[in-house]
Amino acid sequence: MPRSVNHVASKARRKKILKLAKGYFGRRKNVWTVAKNAVEKGLGYAYRDRRVKKREFRALWIVRINAACRLQGVSYSNFMGKLNNSELEINRKVLADLAMNDPAGFKAVFDQIMSA
């Protein structure tokens, strides 16, 4: 009995990878073996960097809050310590947005936290 190969499935698999490689430079976009390696590497980076992105944004928020606190004469750690002891439930993302786009609003929140 002759060997049966499912060309439909294997072609679809290759086509799927080559579609993901669209926009890559050189042979990475149209040569199956090169494209497969490039796409696997890219998907690995995408998975990793979805997690790294969260860390980077948190670091950015902390820098912005620290800069706004320093203008008020208080360090970030002292401010966050008082915030955690207060009954105010506000996260770093919102605080950083206030610090950047509404300094008066941040000052009001700052005064409320420091007075408590």
Protein backbone atom coordinates (compact mmCIF):
# COMPACT_ATOMS: atom_id res chain seq x y z
CA MET A 1 0.00 0.00 0.00
CA PRO A 2 1.45 3.41 -0.93
CA ARG A 3 2.31 5.97 1.70
CA SER A 4 -0.39 8.60 2.24
CA VAL A 5 0.66 12.16 3.02
CA ASN A 6 -1.81 14.83 4.05
CA HIS A 7 -0.61 17.66 1.79
CA VAL A 8 -3.65 19.77 2.56
CA ALA A 9 -2.83 20.00 6.26
CA SER A 10 0.92 20.49 5.80
CA LYS A 11 0.39 23.21 3.18
CA ALA A 12 -2.11 24.96 5.49
CA ARG A 13 0.42 24.79 8.34
CA ARG A 14 3.14 26.35 6.17
CA LYS A 15 0.74 28.95 4.81
CA LYS A 16 -0.24 29.96 8.35
CA ILE A 17 3.41 30.49 9.35
CA LEU A 18 4.22 32.41 6.15
CA LYS A 19 1.20 34.64 6.78
CA LEU A 20 2.58 35.44 10.25
CA ALA A 21 5.96 36.23 8.64
CA LYS A 22 4.44 38.86 6.36
CA GLY A 23 6.43 42.07 6.58
CA TYR A 24 9.68 40.40 7.63
CA PHE A 25 12.85 41.26 5.68
CA GLY A 26 14.57 39.06 3.12
CA ARG A 27 14.15 35.30 3.19
CA ARG A 28 12.44 35.49 6.56
CA LYS A 29 9.18 36.33 4.76
CA ASN A 30 9.06 33.67 2.03
CA VAL A 31 11.39 30.74 2.76
CA TRP A 32 9.63 28.17 4.93
CA THR A 33 12.51 27.09 7.20
CA VAL A 34 13.79 30.62 7.78
CA ALA A 35 10.27 32.03 8.27
CA LYS A 36 9.36 29.28 10.74
CA ASN A 37 12.36 30.10 12.94
CA ALA A 38 11.73 33.85 12.72
CA VAL A 39 8.03 33.50 13.58
CA GLU A 40 8.73 31.17 16.54
CA LYS A 41 11.31 33.62 17.86
CA GLY A 42 8.92 36.54 17.38
CA LEU A 43 6.06 34.77 19.15
CA GLY A 44 8.39 33.99 22.05
CA TYR A 45 9.35 37.64 22.34
CA ALA A 46 5.68 38.68 22.13
CA TYR A 47 4.77 36.31 24.99
CA ARG A 48 7.66 37.55 27.14
CA ASP A 49 7.09 41.22 26.42
CA ARG A 50 3.40 41.14 27.29
CA ARG A 51 4.63 40.54 30.83
CA VAL A 52 7.56 42.98 30.63
CA LYS A 53 5.18 45.72 29.46
CA LYS A 54 3.33 45.57 32.78
CA ARG A 55 6.60 46.00 34.70
CA GLU A 56 7.68 48.92 32.54
CA PHE A 57 4.39 50.76 32.95
CA ARG A 58 4.45 50.30 36.72
CA ALA A 59 7.99 51.72 36.79
CA LEU A 60 6.84 54.69 34.68
CA TRP A 61 3.93 55.39 37.03
CA ILE A 62 6.27 55.28 40.02
CA VAL A 63 8.66 57.77 38.38
CA ARG A 64 5.79 60.16 37.62
CA ILE A 65 4.32 59.94 41.12
CA ASN A 66 7.77 60.43 42.65
CA ALA A 67 8.36 63.55 40.54
CA ALA A 68 5.01 65.01 41.63
CA CYS A 69 5.70 64.16 45.28
CA ARG A 70 9.16 65.73 45.17
CA LEU A 71 7.54 68.99 44.01
CA GLN A 72 5.53 68.85 47.25
CA GLY A 73 8.69 68.13 49.27
CA VAL A 74 7.98 64.48 50.11
CA SER A 75 9.62 61.27 48.87
CA TYR A 76 7.68 58.60 46.99
CA SER A 77 8.12 56.02 49.75
CA ASN A 78 6.78 58.35 52.45
CA PHE A 79 3.82 59.26 50.26
CA MET A 80 2.97 55.62 49.46
CA GLY A 81 3.33 54.68 53.14
CA LYS A 82 0.78 57.34 54.10
CA LEU A 83 -1.48 56.31 51.19
CA ASN A 84 -1.50 52.68 52.36
CA ASN A 85 -2.35 53.79 55.92
CA SER A 86 -5.17 56.06 54.72
CA GLU A 87 -8.64 54.82 53.80
CA LEU A 88 -8.22 56.12 50.23
CA GLU A 89 -8.26 53.34 47.61
CA ILE A 90 -6.39 54.76 44.61
CA ASN A 91 -3.85 52.94 42.44
CA ARG A 92 -0.56 54.06 40.91
CA LYS A 93 -1.98 54.29 37.39
CA VAL A 94 -4.60 56.84 38.43
CA LEU A 95 -2.15 58.76 40.63
CA ALA A 96 0.36 59.00 37.78
CA ASP A 97 -2.34 60.20 35.40
CA LEU A 98 -3.40 62.86 37.90
CA ALA A 99 0.21 63.92 38.41
CA MET A 100 0.75 64.36 34.67
CA ASN A 101 -2.56 65.77 33.46
CA ASP A 102 -4.15 67.40 36.53
CA PRO A 103 -1.56 68.72 38.98
CA ALA A 104 -4.24 70.55 41.00
CA GLY A 105 -6.18 67.31 41.39
CA PHE A 106 -3.02 65.48 42.45
CA LYS A 107 -2.30 68.25 44.98
CA ALA A 108 -5.80 67.81 46.45
CA VAL A 109 -5.32 64.04 46.78
CA PHE A 110 -1.81 64.62 48.17
CA ASP A 111 -3.09 67.05 50.83
CA GLN A 112 -5.87 64.65 51.84
CA ILE A 113 -3.42 61.77 52.23
CA MET A 114 -0.78 63.75 54.11
CA SER A 115 -3.32 65.24 56.53
CA ALA A 116 -4.74 61.83 57.48
